[in-house]
Protein backbone atom coordinates (compact mmCIF):
# COMPACT_ATOMS: atom_id res chain seq x y z
CA MET A 1 0.00 0.00 0.00
CA ARG A 2 1.32 3.46 -0.93
CA PHE A 3 0.24 6.87 0.29
CA LEU A 4 1.60 10.40 0.62
CA HIS A 5 2.44 11.90 4.00
CA THR A 6 2.54 15.68 4.29
CA ALA A 7 2.02 18.28 7.02
CA ASP A 8 2.32 21.91 8.07
CA TRP A 9 0.83 23.58 5.00
CA GLN A 10 0.02 26.63 7.16
CA LEU A 11 -2.20 28.15 4.52
CA GLY A 12 -2.82 31.84 5.06
CA LYS A 13 0.58 32.45 6.67
CA PRO A 14 1.01 36.25 6.51
CA PHE A 15 4.82 36.60 6.10
CA GLY A 16 4.48 40.07 7.59
CA ARG A 17 8.19 40.94 7.62
CA PHE A 18 8.36 41.05 3.81
CA GLU A 19 7.29 43.58 1.21
CA PRO A 20 3.78 43.04 -0.26
CA GLU A 21 5.06 41.52 -3.52
CA VAL A 22 7.14 38.92 -1.68
CA ARG A 23 4.33 38.18 0.80
CA ALA A 24 1.93 37.52 -2.05
CA ALA A 25 4.36 35.16 -3.83
CA LEU A 26 5.12 33.17 -0.69
CA GLY A 27 1.45 32.91 0.25
CA GLU A 28 0.41 31.71 -3.20
CA ALA A 29 3.23 29.15 -3.26
CA ARG A 30 1.66 27.42 -0.25
CA PHE A 31 -1.54 26.86 -2.22
CA ASP A 32 0.46 25.76 -5.27
CA ALA A 33 2.10 23.09 -3.11
CA ILE A 34 -1.31 21.40 -2.79
CA ASP A 35 -1.40 21.09 -6.57
CA ARG A 36 2.08 19.60 -6.66
CA ILE A 37 1.10 17.04 -4.03
CA GLY A 38 -2.06 16.21 -5.99
CA GLU A 39 -0.07 15.88 -9.21
CA VAL A 40 2.39 13.50 -7.56
CA ALA A 41 -0.50 11.41 -6.23
CA ALA A 42 -2.16 11.28 -9.66
CA ALA A 43 1.07 10.44 -11.51
CA ASN A 44 1.80 7.57 -9.11
CA GLN A 45 -1.81 6.36 -8.80
CA VAL A 46 -1.75 7.05 -5.07
CA GLU A 47 -5.25 7.11 -3.60
CA HIS A 48 -4.58 8.63 -0.18
CA VAL A 49 -2.84 11.78 1.10
CA ILE A 50 -2.63 12.11 4.89
CA VAL A 51 -1.91 15.57 6.29
CA ALA A 52 -0.49 15.65 9.81
CA GLY A 53 -1.86 18.92 11.13
CA ASP A 54 -1.48 22.68 10.69
CA ILE A 55 -3.22 22.71 7.34
CA PHE A 56 -4.09 26.32 8.15
CA ASP A 57 -1.86 28.89 9.83
CA THR A 58 -4.58 30.07 12.22
CA GLU A 59 -7.82 28.81 13.70
CA GLY A 60 -9.68 31.66 11.99
CA PRO A 61 -8.50 32.02 8.38
CA GLU A 62 -10.29 34.15 5.82
CA ASP A 63 -12.94 32.47 3.66
CA ARG A 64 -10.67 32.80 0.61
CA VAL A 65 -8.03 30.65 2.32
CA ILE A 66 -10.55 27.87 3.00
CA VAL A 67 -12.07 28.03 -0.49
CA GLN A 68 -8.66 27.97 -2.15
CA ALA A 69 -7.58 24.96 -0.08
CA VAL A 70 -10.76 23.00 -0.76
CA SER A 71 -10.86 23.85 -4.47
CA ARG A 72 -7.23 22.79 -4.96
CA MET A 73 -7.84 19.43 -3.28
CA GLN A 74 -11.02 18.88 -5.25
CA ARG A 75 -9.05 18.91 -8.51
CA TYR A 76 -7.54 15.48 -7.79
CA PRO A 77 -9.18 12.06 -7.42
CA CYS A 78 -7.21 11.06 -4.30
CA ARG A 79 -8.67 11.24 -0.81
CA TRP A 80 -7.28 13.90 1.52
CA TRP A 81 -7.22 13.02 5.23
CA LEU A 82 -6.87 16.23 7.26
CA LEU A 83 -5.82 16.32 10.91
CA PRO A 84 -6.17 19.46 13.09
CA GLY A 85 -2.86 20.63 14.58
CA ASN A 86 -1.94 23.26 17.15
CA HIS A 87 -2.35 26.17 14.69
CA ASP A 88 -5.76 24.94 13.49
CA TYR A 89 -7.01 22.91 16.46
CA ALA A 90 -10.54 21.50 16.43
CA ARG A 91 -13.34 23.07 18.46
CA ASN A 92 -17.12 23.16 18.12
CA GLY A 93 -18.31 25.95 15.87
CA GLY A 94 -14.76 26.71 14.76
CA LEU A 95 -12.63 26.39 11.65
CA TRP A 96 -13.38 22.78 10.85
CA ASP A 97 -17.13 23.34 10.76
CA ARG A 98 -16.48 26.03 8.17
CA VAL A 99 -14.30 23.64 6.16
CA ARG A 100 -16.91 20.87 6.43
CA HIS A 101 -19.55 23.10 4.79
CA LYS A 102 -17.34 23.57 1.75
CA ALA A 103 -15.53 20.21 1.50
CA SER A 104 -16.35 17.49 -1.03
CA ASP A 105 -16.47 13.75 -0.37
CA ASN A 106 -12.78 13.23 -1.10
CA ILE A 107 -11.81 15.50 1.83
CA ILE A 108 -12.07 13.73 5.20
CA LEU A 109 -11.79 15.79 8.37
CA LEU A 110 -10.29 13.89 11.29
CA THR A 111 -11.63 16.05 14.10
CA GLU A 112 -12.28 13.15 16.50
CA PRO A 113 -9.83 10.55 17.87
CA VAL A 114 -11.60 7.64 16.24
CA ALA A 115 -9.89 5.03 14.04
CA ARG A 116 -10.96 5.14 10.38
CA GLU A 117 -10.75 2.27 7.91
CA MET A 118 -9.27 3.79 4.76
CA GLU A 119 -9.49 0.52 2.82
CA ALA A 120 -10.21 -3.06 3.83
CA GLY A 121 -7.74 -3.89 6.61
CA LEU A 122 -6.01 -0.49 6.37
CA TRP A 123 -6.68 1.60 9.45
CA LEU A 124 -5.80 5.22 10.16
CA LEU A 125 -5.50 6.22 13.83
CA PRO A 126 -5.78 10.02 14.18
CA ALA A 127 -4.82 12.14 17.19
CA PRO A 128 -6.41 15.54 16.46
CA LEU A 129 -5.52 18.43 18.75
CA LEU A 130 -8.62 19.83 20.42
CA HIS A 131 -6.64 22.66 22.04
CA ARG A 132 -3.53 24.56 21.04
CA HIS A 133 -1.54 22.84 23.79
CA HIS A 134 -2.07 19.40 25.35
CA LEU A 135 -0.12 18.52 28.47
CA ASP A 136 -0.55 14.80 27.81
CA ASP A 137 0.72 12.74 24.89
CA PRO A 138 -2.11 13.00 22.31
CA THR A 139 -1.11 9.62 20.84
CA GLU A 140 -1.71 7.58 24.01
CA LEU A 141 -5.23 6.94 22.72
CA PHE A 142 -3.78 4.77 19.95
CA ASP A 143 -3.36 1.95 22.47
CA SER A 144 -7.11 1.71 23.03
CA MET A 145 -8.31 2.33 19.45
CA GLU A 146 -9.97 -0.74 18.01
CA THR A 147 -8.95 -1.74 14.50
CA PRO A 148 -10.69 -5.07 13.77
CA GLY A 149 -9.09 -7.14 11.04
CA ALA A 150 -6.24 -4.68 10.66
CA LYS A 151 -3.47 -5.60 8.25
CA LEU A 152 -1.81 -2.19 8.57
CA ARG A 153 -2.11 0.46 11.31
CA ILE A 154 -1.07 4.02 10.50
CA GLY A 155 -0.85 6.64 13.24
CA LEU A 156 -1.38 10.32 12.42
CA ALA A 157 -0.41 13.01 14.93
CA HIS A 158 0.89 16.55 15.37
CA GLY A 159 3.38 17.38 18.11
CA SER A 160 6.96 17.25 19.29
CA ILE A 161 9.10 14.35 20.35
CA ARG A 162 11.64 16.46 22.26
CA ASP A 163 10.55 20.05 23.01
CA PHE A 164 9.65 21.27 26.50
CA THR A 165 8.32 24.54 27.82
CA ALA A 166 10.48 26.79 29.99
CA ARG A 167 8.76 25.38 33.08
CA GLY A 168 9.60 21.81 32.11
CA GLU A 169 6.02 20.88 31.22
CA THR A 170 5.40 18.87 28.09
CA ARG A 171 3.05 20.22 25.43
CA ASN A 172 1.78 18.08 22.58
CA GLN A 173 4.65 15.77 23.52
CA ILE A 174 4.74 12.46 21.64
CA ALA A 175 6.67 9.43 22.82
CA PRO A 176 9.55 8.75 20.38
CA ASP A 177 8.75 5.01 20.52
CA ARG A 178 5.01 5.49 19.99
CA ALA A 179 5.02 3.31 16.85
CA LYS A 180 6.38 0.37 18.83
CA ARG A 181 4.19 1.01 21.88
CA SER A 182 0.98 1.14 19.85
CA ASN A 183 1.87 -1.52 17.29
CA LEU A 184 1.88 0.91 14.37
CA ASP A 185 3.25 0.09 10.94
CA TYR A 186 3.90 3.80 10.40
CA LEU A 187 3.50 7.00 12.43
CA ALA A 188 3.04 10.15 10.33
CA LEU A 189 3.95 13.29 12.25
CA GLY A 190 3.61 17.01 11.75
CA ASP A 191 4.98 20.05 13.63
CA TRP A 192 8.69 19.98 12.69
CA HIS A 193 9.06 21.86 9.39
CA GLY A 194 11.89 19.80 7.95
CA THR A 195 11.84 16.19 6.82
CA LEU A 196 13.04 14.13 9.80
CA LYS A 197 13.37 10.41 10.45
CA VAL A 198 12.75 9.65 14.13
CA GLU A 199 13.08 5.90 13.69
CA PRO A 200 12.27 3.61 10.74
CA ARG A 201 8.50 3.71 11.32
CA THR A 202 8.21 7.32 12.52
CA TRP A 203 8.76 10.35 10.29
CA TYR A 204 8.10 14.07 10.12
CA ALA A 205 7.21 15.05 6.56
CA GLY A 206 8.06 18.72 7.06
CA THR A 207 6.30 21.58 5.34
CA PRO A 208 5.77 21.19 1.57
CA GLU A 209 6.88 24.80 1.02
CA THR A 210 9.81 25.95 3.15
CA ASP A 211 9.03 29.04 5.22
CA GLY A 212 12.20 29.93 7.11
CA PHE A 213 15.98 30.28 6.88
CA GLN A 214 16.76 27.15 8.91
CA ARG A 215 17.41 24.90 5.90
CA ASP A 216 18.52 25.12 2.27
CA GLU A 217 16.26 22.52 0.70
CA PRO A 218 12.78 23.33 -0.63
CA GLY A 219 9.87 21.51 1.00
CA HIS A 220 8.96 17.87 0.49
CA ALA A 221 6.18 15.35 0.93
CA LEU A 222 6.91 11.71 1.71
CA MET A 223 5.91 8.80 -0.50
CA ILE A 224 5.31 5.86 1.84
CA GLU A 225 5.13 2.22 0.83
CA LEU A 226 3.88 -0.22 3.48
CA ALA A 227 3.56 -3.97 3.75
CA PRO A 228 2.78 -6.04 6.86
CA GLY A 229 5.86 -6.95 8.88
CA VAL A 230 8.25 -4.94 6.70
CA GLU A 231 9.93 -1.61 7.43
CA PRO A 232 8.32 1.26 5.51
CA LYS A 233 9.91 2.44 2.31
CA VAL A 234 10.09 6.25 2.55
CA GLU A 235 10.91 8.48 -0.41
CA PRO A 236 10.98 12.29 -0.14
CA VAL A 237 9.32 13.99 -3.11
CA ARG A 238 10.08 17.65 -3.79
CA THR A 239 7.02 19.88 -3.62
CA GLY A 240 8.47 23.28 -2.69
CA ARG A 241 9.33 26.10 -5.02
CA PHE A 242 11.28 28.54 -2.86
CA GLN A 243 14.70 28.12 -1.26
CA TRP A 244 15.56 30.05 1.90
CA LEU A 245 19.34 30.26 2.10
CA LEU A 246 21.71 31.31 4.88
CA ARG A 247 25.17 32.21 3.64
CA ASP A 248 28.28 33.57 5.42
CA TRP A 249 30.95 35.06 3.17
CA THR A 250 34.39 36.14 4.38
CA LEU A 251 35.81 38.62 1.90
CA GLN A 252 39.15 40.31 1.26
CA ASP A 253 38.24 42.27 -1.87
CA THR A 254 35.69 42.74 -4.63
CA ALA A 255 37.12 39.84 -6.63
CA ALA A 256 36.35 37.42 -3.78
CA PHE A 257 32.82 38.80 -3.59
CA LEU A 258 32.24 38.34 -7.32
CA ALA A 259 33.53 34.76 -7.12
CA GLU A 260 31.07 33.98 -4.31
CA CYS A 261 28.24 35.50 -6.36
CA ASP A 262 29.14 33.32 -9.36
CA VAL A 263 29.07 30.16 -7.22
CA LEU A 264 25.73 31.13 -5.68
CA LEU A 265 23.98 32.08 -8.90
CA SER A 266 25.16 28.96 -10.71
CA ALA A 267 23.43 26.73 -8.13
CA ILE A 268 20.03 28.42 -7.66
CA ASP A 269 16.96 29.74 -9.37
CA PRO A 270 17.38 33.40 -8.35
CA ALA A 271 13.69 34.28 -8.70
CA ALA A 272 12.81 31.45 -6.30
CA THR A 273 15.51 32.24 -3.73
CA LEU A 274 15.40 34.15 -0.47
CA LEU A 275 18.88 34.86 0.88
CA ARG A 276 20.08 36.05 4.26
CA LEU A 277 23.71 36.99 3.67
CA SER A 278 26.25 37.78 6.39
CA LEU A 279 29.50 39.43 5.32
CA ALA A 280 32.75 39.47 7.27
CA GLY A 281 36.34 40.42 6.58
CA ILE A 282 38.56 43.45 6.07
CA THR A 283 38.73 45.11 2.67
CA SER A 284 39.76 48.46 1.35
CA LEU A 285 37.09 51.13 1.77
CA ALA A 286 36.76 51.29 -1.99
CA ASP A 287 36.11 47.53 -2.18
CA ARG A 288 33.57 47.66 0.63
CA VAL A 289 31.67 50.44 -1.12
CA GLU A 290 31.80 48.48 -4.37
CA ILE A 291 30.59 45.25 -2.71
CA LEU A 292 27.64 46.88 -0.99
CA SER A 293 26.77 48.78 -4.15
CA ARG A 294 26.70 45.58 -6.21
CA LEU A 295 24.51 43.90 -3.59
CA GLU A 296 21.98 46.72 -3.72
CA ASP A 297 22.06 47.44 -7.45
CA ASP A 298 22.41 43.92 -8.86
CA LEU A 299 22.03 40.88 -6.59
CA ARG A 300 19.00 42.29 -4.72
CA HIS A 301 17.15 42.68 -8.02
CA ARG A 302 17.96 39.13 -9.16
CA LEU A 303 16.72 37.38 -6.01
CA ARG A 304 13.21 37.14 -4.62
CA PHE A 305 14.49 38.57 -1.34
CA LEU A 306 17.86 39.64 0.06
CA ASP A 307 18.74 40.45 3.66
CA VAL A 308 22.33 41.68 4.01
CA ARG A 309 24.19 41.84 7.33
CA ALA A 310 27.50 43.63 6.85
CA ASP A 311 28.40 44.75 10.39
CA HIS A 312 31.50 42.56 10.36
CA LEU A 313 32.77 43.65 6.94
CA PHE A 314 35.24 46.39 7.81
CA GLY A 315 36.59 48.94 5.39
CA ARG A 316 40.29 49.79 5.69
CA PRO A 317 41.40 52.94 3.85
CA GLY A 318 44.29 52.23 1.54
CA GLU A 319 47.09 54.59 0.60
CA GLN A 320 45.35 55.63 -2.58
CA ASP A 321 42.09 56.21 -0.67
CA LEU A 322 43.88 58.58 1.70
CA ALA A 323 45.81 60.23 -1.13
CA ASP A 324 42.54 60.96 -2.91
CA LEU A 325 41.10 62.52 0.24
CA LYS A 326 44.18 64.56 1.15
CA VAL A 327 43.80 66.77 -1.92
CA GLU A 328 40.29 67.69 -0.83
CA GLY A 329 41.16 70.39 1.71
CA LEU A 330 39.10 69.98 4.87
CA LEU A 331 38.18 66.41 3.91
CA GLY A 332 41.87 65.58 3.81
CA ILE A 333 42.46 67.09 7.24
CA ALA A 334 39.55 65.11 8.68
CA ALA A 335 40.86 61.90 7.08
CA GLU A 336 44.32 62.40 8.63
CA LYS A 337 42.88 62.98 12.12
CA LEU A 338 40.68 59.89 11.83
CA THR A 339 43.64 57.84 10.62
CA GLU A 340 45.61 58.86 13.71
CA THR A 341 42.72 57.90 16.00
CA ILE A 342 42.33 54.53 14.30
CA ALA A 343 46.05 53.84 14.69
CA ALA A 344 45.88 54.65 18.40
CA GLY A 345 43.36 51.87 18.97
CA GLY A 346 40.89 51.66 21.86
CA THR A 347 37.16 52.34 21.88
CA GLU A 348 37.60 55.61 19.95
CA ALA A 349 39.15 53.66 17.08
CA ILE A 350 35.86 51.86 16.38
CA LEU A 351 33.98 55.13 15.97
CA ALA A 352 36.83 56.62 13.98
CA ARG A 353 36.83 53.65 11.60
CA ARG A 354 33.11 54.09 10.97
CA ALA A 355 33.53 57.82 10.53
CA MET A 356 36.37 57.27 8.05
CA GLU A 357 34.22 54.84 6.12
CA ARG A 358 31.33 57.32 6.03
CA LEU A 359 33.70 60.09 4.97
CA PHE A 360 35.05 57.99 2.13
CA VAL A 361 31.54 56.85 1.05
CA GLU A 362 30.33 60.44 0.88
CA TYR A 363 33.46 61.46 -1.00
CA HIS A 364 32.94 58.55 -3.40
CA ARG A 365 29.33 59.53 -3.99
CA GLY A 366 30.32 63.14 -4.58
CA SER A 367 32.90 62.07 -7.13
CA GLN A 368 30.34 59.98 -9.00
CA ALA A 369 27.84 62.85 -8.99
């Protein structure tokens, strides 16, 4: 038996720290991921997609978010098994009643902890979250769920296997050996946003569309193949469009910067890349100005998003830099005084270095004008 395991769609996520154009692209990509999952299911003749919680980013999404989610799932002949998570927990009169009014027969809402027979002998044991935080293991109920004639038992849950609150209390805490304890052939988990193998029968699928700078890879769903008495065969399938990259570059000059840019751009789709870039090193002031200028005027326009952190990239005035300034009257006098302060060291040297950099930048801009 084969099925797709996915989780943490978080539809309607606002991405408030970004500009409107980027927010819109990231939000739409989360809906597009549903289509990619449906296309994978159709291409592989997979009849079931199980979603391990946090389908929606909040318990009160806009109607458009619900309609878009339902309409995307309705395009495909597979059955979608949806579990409430901590972002979209189940409560009477809440989100899932709204979804139920719009859903078609191929969308099954698992809002109660009751085992469901997906096919003859194939049982799904859901552990929906009825509150944002549960102090007990929500999967303990698997032990008492009846699955008559079961050939395969699949657990479906949303929670953590290792996180604790600051007070040491567990919240939505799942036993790492739950699959063994409850005689499960597979335990499909949601909550962790990267693909993660806990043990051979227990996996986090991760989000299908990456939404943070913690990892380079785009999102995935998991293709699961099960047979009685055999370890699951698990194959990650790419579903995500965007890459969120963290890069640290140590630079000595503009040439080193350009080389790093060439390596980066050769390995990515720039329009589908969000980059948080940290720069470090000591360059000439002229090179530092050139590097930051190229970031703003070129690389930022190529990428979907660029966040530059250059506090540790220091500009050191070279002999030619100072010679250029010295012929500028008062600017030259200021440059000499700052140079003396920098050479003396101490706390004043830090301010003097920044002032020298600013002086040179303004001089450089004036020259260009």
